[in-house]
Amino acid sequence: LAEGDLLAPEEILEPRGEPLKGATEVTSTDRRRHRKKLMRIRAAKRKVRDAIAIKTKDQRIAMAKIVKMAHKPGSKVKIAR
């Protein structure tokens, strides 16, 4: 048997990253993973919000055009509110 077979992995190489102090400790990797998850959620919300904003802006522009046409002299356009 080789001596390497008798040693535990942490005795051959130091563990990568931070050593854990307890079962409930949050490491920097956990914090980064959580931050990236929050960024993904925010990006999805931003995408939806931007799409809604574009739609309402287009509706507002269209309504302004109709109101402008309705206020011209001799216009047959009536706005029911």
C-alpha atoms as a PDB file:
ATOM      1  CA  LEU A   1       0.000   0.000   0.000  1.00  0.00           C
ATOM      2  CA  ALA A   2       1.146   3.464  -0.791  1.00  0.00           C
ATOM      3  CA  GLU A   3       1.234   6.084   1.915  1.00  0.00           C
ATOM      4  CA  GLY A   4      -1.155   8.266  -0.118  1.00  0.00           C
ATOM      5  CA  ASP A   5      -3.894   5.628   0.194  1.00  0.00           C
ATOM      6  CA  LEU A   6      -3.805   5.797   3.993  1.00  0.00           C
ATOM      7  CA  LEU A   7      -4.102   9.576   4.231  1.00  0.00           C
ATOM      8  CA  ALA A   8      -7.362  11.473   4.185  1.00  0.00           C
ATOM      9  CA  PRO A   9      -7.784  14.006   1.333  1.00  0.00           C
ATOM     10  CA  GLU A  10      -7.462  16.986   3.703  1.00  0.00           C
ATOM     11  CA  GLU A  11      -4.143  15.600   4.946  1.00  0.00           C
ATOM     12  CA  ILE A  12      -2.754  15.549   1.402  1.00  0.00           C
ATOM     13  CA  LEU A  13      -4.132  18.917   0.213  1.00  0.00           C
ATOM     14  CA  GLU A  14      -5.595  21.736   2.270  1.00  0.00           C
ATOM     15  CA  PRO A  15      -9.335  22.178   1.764  1.00  0.00           C
ATOM     16  CA  ARG A  16     -10.185  24.835  -0.818  1.00  0.00           C
ATOM     17  CA  GLY A  17     -12.070  27.931   0.296  1.00  0.00           C
ATOM     18  CA  GLU A  18     -12.836  28.929   3.853  1.00  0.00           C
ATOM     19  CA  PRO A  19     -12.860  26.367   6.642  1.00  0.00           C
ATOM     20  CA  LEU A  20     -16.370  25.847   8.025  1.00  0.00           C
ATOM     21  CA  LYS A  21     -16.835  26.678  11.698  1.00  0.00           C
ATOM     22  CA  GLY A  22     -20.259  25.086  12.000  1.00  0.00           C
ATOM     23  CA  ALA A  23     -23.087  23.434  10.102  1.00  0.00           C
ATOM     24  CA  THR A  24     -25.040  26.701   9.812  1.00  0.00           C
ATOM     25  CA  GLU A  25     -22.192  28.999   8.772  1.00  0.00           C
ATOM     26  CA  VAL A  26     -22.678  30.925   5.534  1.00  0.00           C
ATOM     27  CA  THR A  27     -19.531  31.014   3.397  1.00  0.00           C
ATOM     28  CA  SER A  28     -18.540  33.643   0.855  1.00  0.00           C
ATOM     29  CA  THR A  29     -19.600  31.197  -1.888  1.00  0.00           C
ATOM     30  CA  ASP A  30     -23.066  30.951  -0.341  1.00  0.00           C
ATOM     31  CA  ARG A  31     -23.308  34.742  -0.136  1.00  0.00           C
ATOM     32  CA  ARG A  32     -22.221  35.103  -3.784  1.00  0.00           C
ATOM     33  CA  ARG A  33     -24.715  32.448  -4.903  1.00  0.00           C
ATOM     34  CA  HIS A  34     -27.529  34.217  -3.018  1.00  0.00           C
ATOM     35  CA  ARG A  35     -26.524  37.631  -4.420  1.00  0.00           C
ATOM     36  CA  LYS A  36     -26.521  36.255  -7.981  1.00  0.00           C
ATOM     37  CA  LYS A  37     -29.954  34.716  -7.396  1.00  0.00           C
ATOM     38  CA  LEU A  38     -31.293  38.092  -6.232  1.00  0.00           C
ATOM     39  CA  MET A  39     -29.730  39.751  -9.286  1.00  0.00           C
ATOM     40  CA  ARG A  40     -31.474  37.230 -11.584  1.00  0.00           C
ATOM     41  CA  ILE A  41     -34.819  37.910  -9.875  1.00  0.00           C
ATOM     42  CA  ARG A  42     -34.323  41.686 -10.136  1.00  0.00           C
ATOM     43  CA  ALA A  43     -33.372  41.418 -13.821  1.00  0.00           C
ATOM     44  CA  ALA A  44     -36.538  39.425 -14.565  1.00  0.00           C
ATOM     45  CA  LYS A  45     -38.697  41.976 -12.714  1.00  0.00           C
ATOM     46  CA  ARG A  46     -36.962  44.833 -14.538  1.00  0.00           C
ATOM     47  CA  LYS A  47     -37.598  43.156 -17.898  1.00  0.00           C
ATOM     48  CA  VAL A  48     -41.335  42.770 -17.154  1.00  0.00           C
ATOM     49  CA  ARG A  49     -41.589  46.321 -15.791  1.00  0.00           C
ATOM     50  CA  ASP A  50     -39.888  47.767 -18.895  1.00  0.00           C
ATOM     51  CA  ALA A  51     -42.241  45.828 -21.194  1.00  0.00           C
ATOM     52  CA  ILE A  52     -45.284  47.184 -19.325  1.00  0.00           C
ATOM     53  CA  ALA A  53     -43.846  50.722 -19.390  1.00  0.00           C
ATOM     54  CA  ILE A  54     -43.372  50.559 -23.173  1.00  0.00           C
ATOM     55  CA  LYS A  55     -46.949  49.322 -23.628  1.00  0.00           C
ATOM     56  CA  THR A  56     -48.481  52.063 -21.441  1.00  0.00           C
ATOM     57  CA  LYS A  57     -46.300  54.703 -23.121  1.00  0.00           C
ATOM     58  CA  ASP A  58     -47.566  53.590 -26.547  1.00  0.00           C
ATOM     59  CA  GLN A  59     -51.158  53.701 -25.275  1.00  0.00           C
ATOM     60  CA  ARG A  60     -50.616  57.203 -23.872  1.00  0.00           C
ATOM     61  CA  ILE A  61     -49.171  58.419 -27.193  1.00  0.00           C
ATOM     62  CA  ALA A  62     -52.092  56.901 -29.135  1.00  0.00           C
ATOM     63  CA  MET A  63     -54.635  58.510 -26.788  1.00  0.00           C
ATOM     64  CA  ALA A  64     -52.896  61.894 -27.103  1.00  0.00           C
ATOM     65  CA  LYS A  65     -53.123  61.592 -30.902  1.00  0.00           C
ATOM     66  CA  ILE A  66     -56.883  60.873 -30.703  1.00  0.00           C
ATOM     67  CA  VAL A  67     -57.476  63.785 -28.310  1.00  0.00           C
ATOM     68  CA  LYS A  68     -55.532  66.071 -30.655  1.00  0.00           C
ATOM     69  CA  MET A  69     -57.705  64.944 -33.604  1.00  0.00           C
ATOM     70  CA  ALA A  70     -60.882  65.428 -31.547  1.00  0.00           C
ATOM     71  CA  HIS A  71     -60.036  69.040 -30.716  1.00  0.00           C
ATOM     72  CA  LYS A  72     -59.505  70.093 -34.330  1.00  0.00           C
ATOM     73  CA  PRO A  73     -62.286  72.264 -35.764  1.00  0.00           C
ATOM     74  CA  GLY A  74     -64.880  70.295 -37.721  1.00  0.00           C
ATOM     75  CA  SER A  75     -63.762  66.984 -36.239  1.00  0.00           C
ATOM     76  CA  LYS A  76     -66.295  64.154 -36.016  1.00  0.00           C
ATOM     77  CA  VAL A  77     -64.223  62.332 -33.371  1.00  0.00           C
ATOM     78  CA  LYS A  78     -66.003  62.182 -30.011  1.00  0.00           C
ATOM     79  CA  ILE A  79     -64.299  61.086 -26.812  1.00  0.00           C
ATOM     80  CA  ALA A  80     -66.575  59.316 -24.320  1.00  0.00           C
ATOM     81  CA  ARG A  81     -65.203  59.399 -20.810  1.00  0.00           C
END
